[in-house]
Amino acid sequence: MKMNSEHKTQAPVAVVTGVAQGIGREVAEVLAGEGYALVLADLKEPVDTLAAVRDAGAEAVAVVGDIASETYVAHLAEQVQERFGRVDVLVNNAGVSLLAPAEDTTVEQWRRVLEVNLTGPFLLSRALGRQMLAAGSGSIVNIASIAGLHGIADRAAYNASKHGMIGLTRTLAAEWGGRGVRVNAVCPGWVKTEMDATDQASGGYTDSDIVDRVPMARFAAPGDIAQAAAFLADPARSGFVNGVALPVDGGWTADASWTSLRLRKR
């Protein structure tokens, strides 16, 4: 998609990936409500999300493509600069899941998960981070996972990608914080999204498996994650927060209780 290169905006500009549904769509809607102009990135045209954020009063455009493609990322970065002349926030949300025993995970599956969940965020952070560094300010928010903080069976590729994303977050925070660019990660627990529905359909777990494990006794909603991302994006609210991997998990990572003990406390 070619953007109009004549228009610039005074509103802060956020690029959000994986916006067609779930967490990404919610992040886009929350940022729209906070006055951001938006560049929406997804593999398919995010028609519903684009309409929703425009209805909320945001200036928004979509750039369709695969974030694992270096060519696409370079095109996206060029279009952001031509259309808006600035980028203030990048939310690396796009990702794919894979439930499979490690011994049954193919190299092709492994590579695709790492390409989308880790290489893509690196490429986007590098390309848009250069623009932020030139401006001396910006915020990158990576949507990682509690699977980047702990091991969870049958998710070798996914867990490795999210551990890598947290490592990337911390490294970029160390490199770029002194030049005005903050980099942080949100680590969701289980969230009720289309991805969860697909994963549950494979027979890997049930609602009660998650609810019984979470001290707050529920799944996260996409809005829980979006609000945390908006907090980390905003220099007025989190201007001295850099290199953090923030669990938004209802207490999952804090609680080492066994299930019967946890349930007795409810």
C-alpha atoms as a PDB file:
ATOM      1  CA  MET A   1       0.000   0.000   0.000  1.00  0.00           C
ATOM      2  CA  LYS A   2       1.368   3.403  -0.975  1.00  0.00           C
ATOM      3  CA  MET A   3       0.716   6.189   1.481  1.00  0.00           C
ATOM      4  CA  ASN A   4       0.230   9.862   0.731  1.00  0.00           C
ATOM      5  CA  SER A   5       3.643  11.413   1.337  1.00  0.00           C
ATOM      6  CA  GLU A   6       2.355  14.998   1.574  1.00  0.00           C
ATOM      7  CA  HIS A   7       0.655  14.745   4.956  1.00  0.00           C
ATOM      8  CA  LYS A   8       2.466  14.926   8.296  1.00  0.00           C
ATOM      9  CA  THR A   9       0.913  14.703  11.747  1.00  0.00           C
ATOM     10  CA  GLN A  10       1.554  16.314  15.093  1.00  0.00           C
ATOM     11  CA  ALA A  11      -0.034  13.388  16.925  1.00  0.00           C
ATOM     12  CA  PRO A  12       2.271  10.709  18.311  1.00  0.00           C
ATOM     13  CA  VAL A  13       2.563   7.820  15.857  1.00  0.00           C
ATOM     14  CA  ALA A  14       2.398   4.154  16.832  1.00  0.00           C
ATOM     15  CA  VAL A  15       3.102   1.115  14.693  1.00  0.00           C
ATOM     16  CA  VAL A  16       1.274  -1.991  15.918  1.00  0.00           C
ATOM     17  CA  THR A  17       1.703  -5.458  14.407  1.00  0.00           C
ATOM     18  CA  GLY A  18      -0.712  -8.372  14.351  1.00  0.00           C
ATOM     19  CA  VAL A  19      -3.759  -6.114  14.553  1.00  0.00           C
ATOM     20  CA  ALA A  20      -6.445  -8.099  12.750  1.00  0.00           C
ATOM     21  CA  GLN A  21      -7.676  -9.693  15.974  1.00  0.00           C
ATOM     22  CA  GLY A  22      -6.985 -10.358  19.635  1.00  0.00           C
ATOM     23  CA  ILE A  23      -4.385  -8.419  21.605  1.00  0.00           C
ATOM     24  CA  GLY A  24      -3.149  -6.444  18.607  1.00  0.00           C
ATOM     25  CA  ARG A  25      -6.582  -5.101  17.769  1.00  0.00           C
ATOM     26  CA  GLU A  26      -7.168  -4.134  21.402  1.00  0.00           C
ATOM     27  CA  VAL A  27      -3.796  -2.364  21.601  1.00  0.00           C
ATOM     28  CA  ALA A  28      -4.641  -0.394  18.461  1.00  0.00           C
ATOM     29  CA  GLU A  29      -8.029   0.630  19.858  1.00  0.00           C
ATOM     30  CA  VAL A  30      -6.582   1.695  23.215  1.00  0.00           C
ATOM     31  CA  LEU A  31      -3.846   3.770  21.554  1.00  0.00           C
ATOM     32  CA  ALA A  32      -6.426   5.316  19.227  1.00  0.00           C
ATOM     33  CA  GLY A  33      -8.361   6.407  22.296  1.00  0.00           C
ATOM     34  CA  GLU A  34      -5.206   8.011  23.679  1.00  0.00           C
ATOM     35  CA  GLY A  35      -4.692  10.180  20.618  1.00  0.00           C
ATOM     36  CA  TYR A  36      -2.164   8.236  18.579  1.00  0.00           C
ATOM     37  CA  ALA A  37      -2.048   8.083  14.820  1.00  0.00           C
ATOM     38  CA  LEU A  38      -1.650   4.448  13.836  1.00  0.00           C
ATOM     39  CA  VAL A  39       0.132   2.300  11.302  1.00  0.00           C
ATOM     40  CA  LEU A  40      -1.441  -1.151  11.397  1.00  0.00           C
ATOM     41  CA  ALA A  41       0.623  -4.102  10.209  1.00  0.00           C
ATOM     42  CA  ASP A  42      -0.764  -7.573   9.531  1.00  0.00           C
ATOM     43  CA  LEU A  43      -0.571 -10.433   7.060  1.00  0.00           C
ATOM     44  CA  LYS A  44      -4.072  -9.560   5.864  1.00  0.00           C
ATOM     45  CA  GLU A  45      -5.925  -6.288   5.489  1.00  0.00           C
ATOM     46  CA  PRO A  46      -7.167  -5.453   9.022  1.00  0.00           C
ATOM     47  CA  VAL A  47     -10.488  -4.102   7.800  1.00  0.00           C
ATOM     48  CA  ASP A  48     -12.397  -4.254  11.085  1.00  0.00           C
ATOM     49  CA  THR A  49      -9.553  -2.837  13.163  1.00  0.00           C
ATOM     50  CA  LEU A  50      -8.968  -0.017  10.712  1.00  0.00           C
ATOM     51  CA  ALA A  51     -12.647   0.917  10.868  1.00  0.00           C
ATOM     52  CA  ALA A  52     -12.715   0.734  14.673  1.00  0.00           C
ATOM     53  CA  VAL A  53      -9.745   3.032  15.227  1.00  0.00           C
ATOM     54  CA  ARG A  54     -10.962   5.518  12.648  1.00  0.00           C
ATOM     55  CA  ASP A  55     -14.354   5.529  14.338  1.00  0.00           C
ATOM     56  CA  ALA A  56     -12.490   6.419  17.543  1.00  0.00           C
ATOM     57  CA  GLY A  57     -11.066   9.470  15.775  1.00  0.00           C
ATOM     58  CA  ALA A  58      -7.584   8.175  14.984  1.00  0.00           C
ATOM     59  CA  GLU A  59      -5.769   8.778  11.755  1.00  0.00           C
ATOM     60  CA  ALA A  60      -4.800   5.291  10.629  1.00  0.00           C
ATOM     61  CA  VAL A  61      -3.389   3.385   7.696  1.00  0.00           C
ATOM     62  CA  ALA A  62      -2.618  -0.280   7.090  1.00  0.00           C
ATOM     63  CA  VAL A  63       0.466  -1.845   5.526  1.00  0.00           C
ATOM     64  CA  VAL A  64      -0.072  -5.515   4.725  1.00  0.00           C
ATOM     65  CA  GLY A  65       2.785  -8.017   4.720  1.00  0.00           C
ATOM     66  CA  ASP A  66       4.932 -10.539   6.561  1.00  0.00           C
ATOM     67  CA  ILE A  67       7.017  -9.084   9.395  1.00  0.00           C
ATOM     68  CA  ALA A  68       9.550 -11.894   8.935  1.00  0.00           C
ATOM     69  CA  SER A  69      10.435 -10.388   5.542  1.00  0.00           C
ATOM     70  CA  GLU A  70      13.285  -7.896   5.608  1.00  0.00           C
ATOM     71  CA  THR A  71      11.963  -6.371   2.382  1.00  0.00           C
ATOM     72  CA  TYR A  72       8.516  -5.816   3.875  1.00  0.00           C
ATOM     73  CA  VAL A  73       9.928  -4.277   7.059  1.00  0.00           C
ATOM     74  CA  ALA A  74      12.091  -1.879   5.056  1.00  0.00           C
ATOM     75  CA  HIS A  75       9.016  -0.904   3.019  1.00  0.00           C
ATOM     76  CA  LEU A  76       6.973  -0.375   6.177  1.00  0.00           C
ATOM     77  CA  ALA A  77       9.620   1.844   7.751  1.00  0.00           C
ATOM     78  CA  GLU A  78       9.879   3.904   4.561  1.00  0.00           C
ATOM     79  CA  GLN A  79       6.111   4.326   4.376  1.00  0.00           C
ATOM     80  CA  VAL A  80       5.867   5.394   8.018  1.00  0.00           C
ATOM     81  CA  GLN A  81       8.427   8.113   7.416  1.00  0.00           C
ATOM     82  CA  GLU A  82       6.830   9.266   4.170  1.00  0.00           C
ATOM     83  CA  ARG A  83       3.301   9.331   5.566  1.00  0.00           C
ATOM     84  CA  PHE A  84       3.859  10.689   9.063  1.00  0.00           C
ATOM     85  CA  GLY A  85       7.449  11.883   9.254  1.00  0.00           C
ATOM     86  CA  ARG A  86       7.928  10.302  12.677  1.00  0.00           C
ATOM     87  CA  VAL A  87       7.424   7.192  14.789  1.00  0.00           C
ATOM     88  CA  ASP A  88       7.032   7.332  18.546  1.00  0.00           C
ATOM     89  CA  VAL A  89       5.927   3.825  19.491  1.00  0.00           C
ATOM     90  CA  LEU A  90       6.372   0.317  18.115  1.00  0.00           C
ATOM     91  CA  VAL A  91       4.311  -2.508  19.569  1.00  0.00           C
ATOM     92  CA  ASN A  92       5.662  -5.873  18.429  1.00  0.00           C
ATOM     93  CA  ASN A  93       2.586  -8.022  18.929  1.00  0.00           C
ATOM     94  CA  ALA A  94       2.359 -10.304  15.880  1.00  0.00           C
ATOM     95  CA  GLY A  95       3.107 -13.921  16.708  1.00  0.00           C
ATOM     96  CA  VAL A  96       2.249 -17.529  16.049  1.00  0.00           C
ATOM     97  CA  SER A  97       1.747 -20.448  18.410  1.00  0.00           C
ATOM     98  CA  LEU A  98       2.832 -24.070  18.124  1.00  0.00           C
ATOM     99  CA  LEU A  99       1.780 -26.880  20.451  1.00  0.00           C
ATOM    100  CA  ALA A 100       3.896 -29.966  19.853  1.00  0.00           C
ATOM    101  CA  PRO A 101       6.283 -32.183  21.802  1.00  0.00           C
ATOM    102  CA  ALA A 102       9.871 -31.106  21.210  1.00  0.00           C
ATOM    103  CA  GLU A 103      10.748 -34.470  19.656  1.00  0.00           C
ATOM    104  CA  ASP A 104       7.954 -34.053  17.106  1.00  0.00           C
ATOM    105  CA  THR A 105       8.672 -30.424  16.187  1.00  0.00           C
ATOM    106  CA  THR A 106       9.997 -30.151  12.641  1.00  0.00           C
ATOM    107  CA  VAL A 107      12.789 -27.816  11.641  1.00  0.00           C
ATOM    108  CA  GLU A 108      10.336 -26.023   9.351  1.00  0.00           C
ATOM    109  CA  GLN A 109       7.928 -25.438  12.244  1.00  0.00           C
ATOM    110  CA  TRP A 110      10.755 -24.301  14.512  1.00  0.00           C
ATOM    111  CA  ARG A 111      12.086 -21.845  11.957  1.00  0.00           C
ATOM    112  CA  ARG A 112       8.686 -20.337  11.168  1.00  0.00           C
ATOM    113  CA  VAL A 113       7.890 -19.702  14.839  1.00  0.00           C
ATOM    114  CA  LEU A 114      11.293 -18.100  15.421  1.00  0.00           C
ATOM    115  CA  GLU A 115      11.036 -16.067  12.217  1.00  0.00           C
ATOM    116  CA  VAL A 116       7.664 -14.552  13.110  1.00  0.00           C
ATOM    117  CA  ASN A 117       8.019 -14.290  16.893  1.00  0.00           C
ATOM    118  CA  LEU A 118      11.648 -13.175  17.149  1.00  0.00           C
ATOM    119  CA  THR A 119      13.258 -12.272  13.830  1.00  0.00           C
ATOM    120  CA  GLY A 120      10.312 -10.085  12.828  1.00  0.00           C
ATOM    121  CA  PRO A 121      10.415  -8.032  16.052  1.00  0.00           C
ATOM    122  CA  PHE A 122      14.184  -7.653  15.641  1.00  0.00           C
ATOM    123  CA  LEU A 123      13.804  -6.404  12.068  1.00  0.00           C
ATOM    124  CA  LEU A 124      11.076  -3.953  13.052  1.00  0.00           C
ATOM    125  CA  SER A 125      12.968  -2.738  16.109  1.00  0.00           C
ATOM    126  CA  ARG A 126      16.090  -2.220  14.012  1.00  0.00           C
ATOM    127  CA  ALA A 127      14.320  -0.353  11.206  1.00  0.00           C
ATOM    128  CA  LEU A 128      12.002   1.816  13.310  1.00  0.00           C
ATOM    129  CA  GLY A 129      14.516   2.069  16.149  1.00  0.00           C
ATOM    130  CA  ARG A 130      16.874   3.861  13.768  1.00  0.00           C
ATOM    131  CA  GLN A 131      14.194   6.507  13.216  1.00  0.00           C
ATOM    132  CA  MET A 132      13.576   6.814  16.962  1.00  0.00           C
ATOM    133  CA  LEU A 133      17.299   7.096  17.667  1.00  0.00           C
ATOM    134  CA  ALA A 134      17.625   9.846  15.063  1.00  0.00           C
ATOM    135  CA  ALA A 135      14.811  11.717  16.831  1.00  0.00           C
ATOM    136  CA  GLY A 136      16.234  11.035  20.292  1.00  0.00           C
ATOM    137  CA  SER A 137      13.022   9.527  21.658  1.00  0.00           C
ATOM    138  CA  GLY A 138      10.705   6.559  21.330  1.00  0.00           C
ATOM    139  CA  SER A 139       9.285   3.486  23.001  1.00  0.00           C
ATOM    140  CA  ILE A 140       9.281  -0.122  21.841  1.00  0.00           C
ATOM    141  CA  VAL A 141       6.888  -2.526  23.562  1.00  0.00           C
ATOM    142  CA  ASN A 142       7.351  -6.228  22.867  1.00  0.00           C
ATOM    143  CA  ILE A 143       4.438  -8.547  23.587  1.00  0.00           C
ATOM    144  CA  ALA A 144       6.287 -11.538  25.008  1.00  0.00           C
ATOM    145  CA  SER A 145       4.696 -14.122  27.349  1.00  0.00           C
ATOM    146  CA  ILE A 146       5.064 -15.842  30.681  1.00  0.00           C
ATOM    147  CA  ALA A 147       6.351 -18.591  28.375  1.00  0.00           C
ATOM    148  CA  GLY A 148       9.391 -16.326  28.043  1.00  0.00           C
ATOM    149  CA  LEU A 149       9.913 -16.448  31.815  1.00  0.00           C
ATOM    150  CA  HIS A 150       9.272 -20.137  32.503  1.00  0.00           C
ATOM    151  CA  GLY A 151       9.343 -23.439  30.655  1.00  0.00           C
ATOM    152  CA  ILE A 152       5.971 -24.842  29.578  1.00  0.00           C
ATOM    153  CA  ALA A 153       5.799 -28.332  28.080  1.00  0.00           C
ATOM    154  CA  ASP A 154       4.981 -28.930  24.403  1.00  0.00           C
ATOM    155  CA  ARG A 155       6.010 -25.430  23.355  1.00  0.00           C
ATOM    156  CA  ALA A 156       9.741 -25.638  22.638  1.00  0.00           C
ATOM    157  CA  ALA A 157       9.723 -23.288  19.642  1.00  0.00           C
ATOM    158  CA  TYR A 158       7.244 -20.821  21.134  1.00  0.00           C
ATOM    159  CA  ASN A 159       9.008 -20.725  24.509  1.00  0.00           C
ATOM    160  CA  ALA A 160      12.392 -20.242  22.856  1.00  0.00           C
ATOM    161  CA  SER A 161      11.042 -17.381  20.758  1.00  0.00           C
ATOM    162  CA  LYS A 162       9.556 -15.601  23.781  1.00  0.00           C
ATOM    163  CA  HIS A 163      12.676 -16.110  25.909  1.00  0.00           C
ATOM    164  CA  GLY A 164      14.597 -14.626  22.981  1.00  0.00           C
ATOM    165  CA  MET A 165      12.230 -11.676  22.794  1.00  0.00           C
ATOM    166  CA  ILE A 166      12.858 -10.864  26.450  1.00  0.00           C
ATOM    167  CA  GLY A 167      16.598 -11.113  25.850  1.00  0.00           C
ATOM    168  CA  LEU A 168      16.271  -8.791  22.868  1.00  0.00           C
ATOM    169  CA  THR A 169      14.219  -6.379  24.978  1.00  0.00           C
ATOM    170  CA  ARG A 170      16.865  -6.176  27.673  1.00  0.00           C
ATOM    171  CA  THR A 171      19.731  -5.813  25.204  1.00  0.00           C
ATOM    172  CA  LEU A 172      18.083  -3.013  23.221  1.00  0.00           C
ATOM    173  CA  ALA A 173      17.144  -1.283  26.482  1.00  0.00           C
ATOM    174  CA  ALA A 174      20.801  -1.354  27.483  1.00  0.00           C
ATOM    175  CA  GLU A 175      21.989  -0.110  24.086  1.00  0.00           C
ATOM    176  CA  TRP A 176      19.379   2.545  23.391  1.00  0.00           C
ATOM    177  CA  GLY A 177      18.160   3.850  26.749  1.00  0.00           C
ATOM    178  CA  GLY A 178      20.881   6.480  26.930  1.00  0.00           C
ATOM    179  CA  ARG A 179      19.855   7.727  23.492  1.00  0.00           C
ATOM    180  CA  GLY A 180      16.231   8.311  24.408  1.00  0.00           C
ATOM    181  CA  VAL A 181      14.637   5.043  23.264  1.00  0.00           C
ATOM    182  CA  ARG A 182      13.065   2.811  25.906  1.00  0.00           C
ATOM    183  CA  VAL A 183      12.434  -0.885  25.247  1.00  0.00           C
ATOM    184  CA  ASN A 184      10.174  -3.009  27.451  1.00  0.00           C
ATOM    185  CA  ALA A 185       8.156  -6.217  27.256  1.00  0.00           C
ATOM    186  CA  VAL A 186       4.711  -7.241  28.429  1.00  0.00           C
ATOM    187  CA  CYS A 187       4.481 -10.904  29.455  1.00  0.00           C
ATOM    188  CA  PRO A 188       0.841 -12.022  29.284  1.00  0.00           C
ATOM    189  CA  GLY A 189      -0.495 -15.117  30.916  1.00  0.00           C
ATOM    190  CA  TRP A 190      -3.233 -17.004  29.093  1.00  0.00           C
ATOM    191  CA  VAL A 191      -5.498 -14.577  27.213  1.00  0.00           C
ATOM    192  CA  LYS A 192      -8.943 -15.273  25.804  1.00  0.00           C
ATOM    193  CA  THR A 193      -8.314 -14.717  22.091  1.00  0.00           C
ATOM    194  CA  GLU A 194      -8.729 -16.510  18.795  1.00  0.00           C
ATOM    195  CA  MET A 195      -5.262 -18.035  19.326  1.00  0.00           C
ATOM    196  CA  ASP A 196      -6.420 -19.537  22.626  1.00  0.00           C
ATOM    197  CA  ALA A 197      -9.476 -21.035  20.924  1.00  0.00           C
ATOM    198  CA  THR A 198      -7.272 -22.647  18.286  1.00  0.00           C
ATOM    199  CA  ASP A 199      -4.820 -24.009  20.861  1.00  0.00           C
ATOM    200  CA  GLN A 200      -7.617 -25.414  23.024  1.00  0.00           C
ATOM    201  CA  ALA A 201      -9.175 -27.079  19.981  1.00  0.00           C
ATOM    202  CA  SER A 202      -5.981 -29.121  19.635  1.00  0.00           C
ATOM    203  CA  GLY A 203      -6.763 -30.729  23.005  1.00  0.00           C
ATOM    204  CA  GLY A 204      -3.778 -29.265  24.822  1.00  0.00           C
ATOM    205  CA  TYR A 205      -5.673 -27.798  27.781  1.00  0.00           C
ATOM    206  CA  THR A 206      -9.063 -26.631  29.027  1.00  0.00           C
ATOM    207  CA  ASP A 207     -10.421 -23.455  30.581  1.00  0.00           C
ATOM    208  CA  SER A 208     -10.282 -25.022  34.032  1.00  0.00           C
ATOM    209  CA  ASP A 209      -6.588 -25.891  33.589  1.00  0.00           C
ATOM    210  CA  ILE A 210      -5.867 -22.174  33.292  1.00  0.00           C
ATOM    211  CA  VAL A 211      -8.416 -20.798  35.753  1.00  0.00           C
ATOM    212  CA  ASP A 212      -7.286 -23.225  38.456  1.00  0.00           C
ATOM    213  CA  ARG A 213      -3.656 -22.174  37.931  1.00  0.00           C
ATOM    214  CA  VAL A 214      -4.180 -18.394  38.058  1.00  0.00           C
ATOM    215  CA  PRO A 215      -4.479 -16.826  41.538  1.00  0.00           C
ATOM    216  CA  MET A 216      -6.993 -14.322  40.172  1.00  0.00           C
ATOM    217  CA  ALA A 217      -9.055 -17.267  38.873  1.00  0.00           C
ATOM    218  CA  ARG A 218      -9.579 -16.071  35.321  1.00  0.00           C
ATOM    219  CA  PHE A 219      -8.011 -15.682  31.916  1.00  0.00           C
ATOM    220  CA  ALA A 220      -6.623 -12.301  30.942  1.00  0.00           C
ATOM    221  CA  ALA A 221      -8.731 -10.236  28.571  1.00  0.00           C
ATOM    222  CA  PRO A 222      -7.048  -8.537  25.599  1.00  0.00           C
ATOM    223  CA  GLY A 223      -7.731  -5.215  27.304  1.00  0.00           C
ATOM    224  CA  ASP A 224      -5.602  -6.200  30.292  1.00  0.00           C
ATOM    225  CA  ILE A 225      -2.617  -6.578  27.984  1.00  0.00           C
ATOM    226  CA  ALA A 226      -3.417  -3.512  25.907  1.00  0.00           C
ATOM    227  CA  GLN A 227      -3.545  -1.244  28.955  1.00  0.00           C
ATOM    228  CA  ALA A 228      -0.129  -2.485  30.078  1.00  0.00           C
ATOM    229  CA  ALA A 229       1.275  -1.861  26.602  1.00  0.00           C
ATOM    230  CA  ALA A 230      -0.185   1.651  26.563  1.00  0.00           C
ATOM    231  CA  PHE A 231       1.400   2.351  29.951  1.00  0.00           C
ATOM    232  CA  LEU A 232       4.836   1.270  28.735  1.00  0.00           C
ATOM    233  CA  ALA A 233       4.408   3.233  25.511  1.00  0.00           C
ATOM    234  CA  ASP A 234       3.700   6.529  27.265  1.00  0.00           C
ATOM    235  CA  PRO A 235       6.737   8.517  28.472  1.00  0.00           C
ATOM    236  CA  ALA A 236       4.520  10.534  30.815  1.00  0.00           C
ATOM    237  CA  ARG A 237       3.551   7.391  32.741  1.00  0.00           C
ATOM    238  CA  SER A 238       6.609   5.180  32.343  1.00  0.00           C
ATOM    239  CA  GLY A 239       9.412   7.492  31.320  1.00  0.00           C
ATOM    240  CA  PHE A 240      11.989   5.858  33.614  1.00  0.00           C
ATOM    241  CA  VAL A 241      10.882   2.283  32.925  1.00  0.00           C
ATOM    242  CA  ASN A 242      13.365   0.548  30.623  1.00  0.00           C
ATOM    243  CA  GLY A 243      14.301  -3.086  30.074  1.00  0.00           C
ATOM    244  CA  VAL A 244      11.379  -4.485  32.072  1.00  0.00           C
ATOM    245  CA  ALA A 245       9.613  -7.788  31.366  1.00  0.00           C
ATOM    246  CA  LEU A 246       6.251  -7.058  33.001  1.00  0.00           C
ATOM    247  CA  PRO A 247       4.086 -10.089  33.809  1.00  0.00           C
ATOM    248  CA  VAL A 248       0.384  -9.446  33.252  1.00  0.00           C
ATOM    249  CA  ASP A 249      -0.694 -12.862  34.392  1.00  0.00           C
ATOM    250  CA  GLY A 250      -3.035 -12.590  37.366  1.00  0.00           C
ATOM    251  CA  GLY A 251      -0.236 -13.774  39.657  1.00  0.00           C
ATOM    252  CA  TRP A 252       0.720 -16.932  37.713  1.00  0.00           C
ATOM    253  CA  THR A 253       4.476 -16.374  37.939  1.00  0.00           C
ATOM    254  CA  ALA A 254       4.281 -15.291  41.592  1.00  0.00           C
ATOM    255  CA  ASP A 255       2.491 -18.409  42.839  1.00  0.00           C
ATOM    256  CA  ALA A 256       4.383 -21.643  43.487  1.00  0.00           C
ATOM    257  CA  SER A 257       1.444 -23.246  45.331  1.00  0.00           C
ATOM    258  CA  TRP A 258       0.143 -26.631  44.308  1.00  0.00           C
ATOM    259  CA  THR A 259      -3.345 -26.658  42.834  1.00  0.00           C
ATOM    260  CA  SER A 260      -5.286 -27.937  45.837  1.00  0.00           C
ATOM    261  CA  LEU A 261      -3.673 -25.333  48.119  1.00  0.00           C
ATOM    262  CA  ARG A 262      -4.412 -22.561  45.658  1.00  0.00           C
ATOM    263  CA  LEU A 263      -8.032 -23.583  45.307  1.00  0.00           C
ATOM    264  CA  ARG A 264      -8.503 -23.778  49.091  1.00  0.00           C
ATOM    265  CA  LYS A 265      -7.644 -20.073  49.319  1.00  0.00           C
ATOM    266  CA  ARG A 266     -10.511 -18.999  47.051  1.00  0.00           C
END
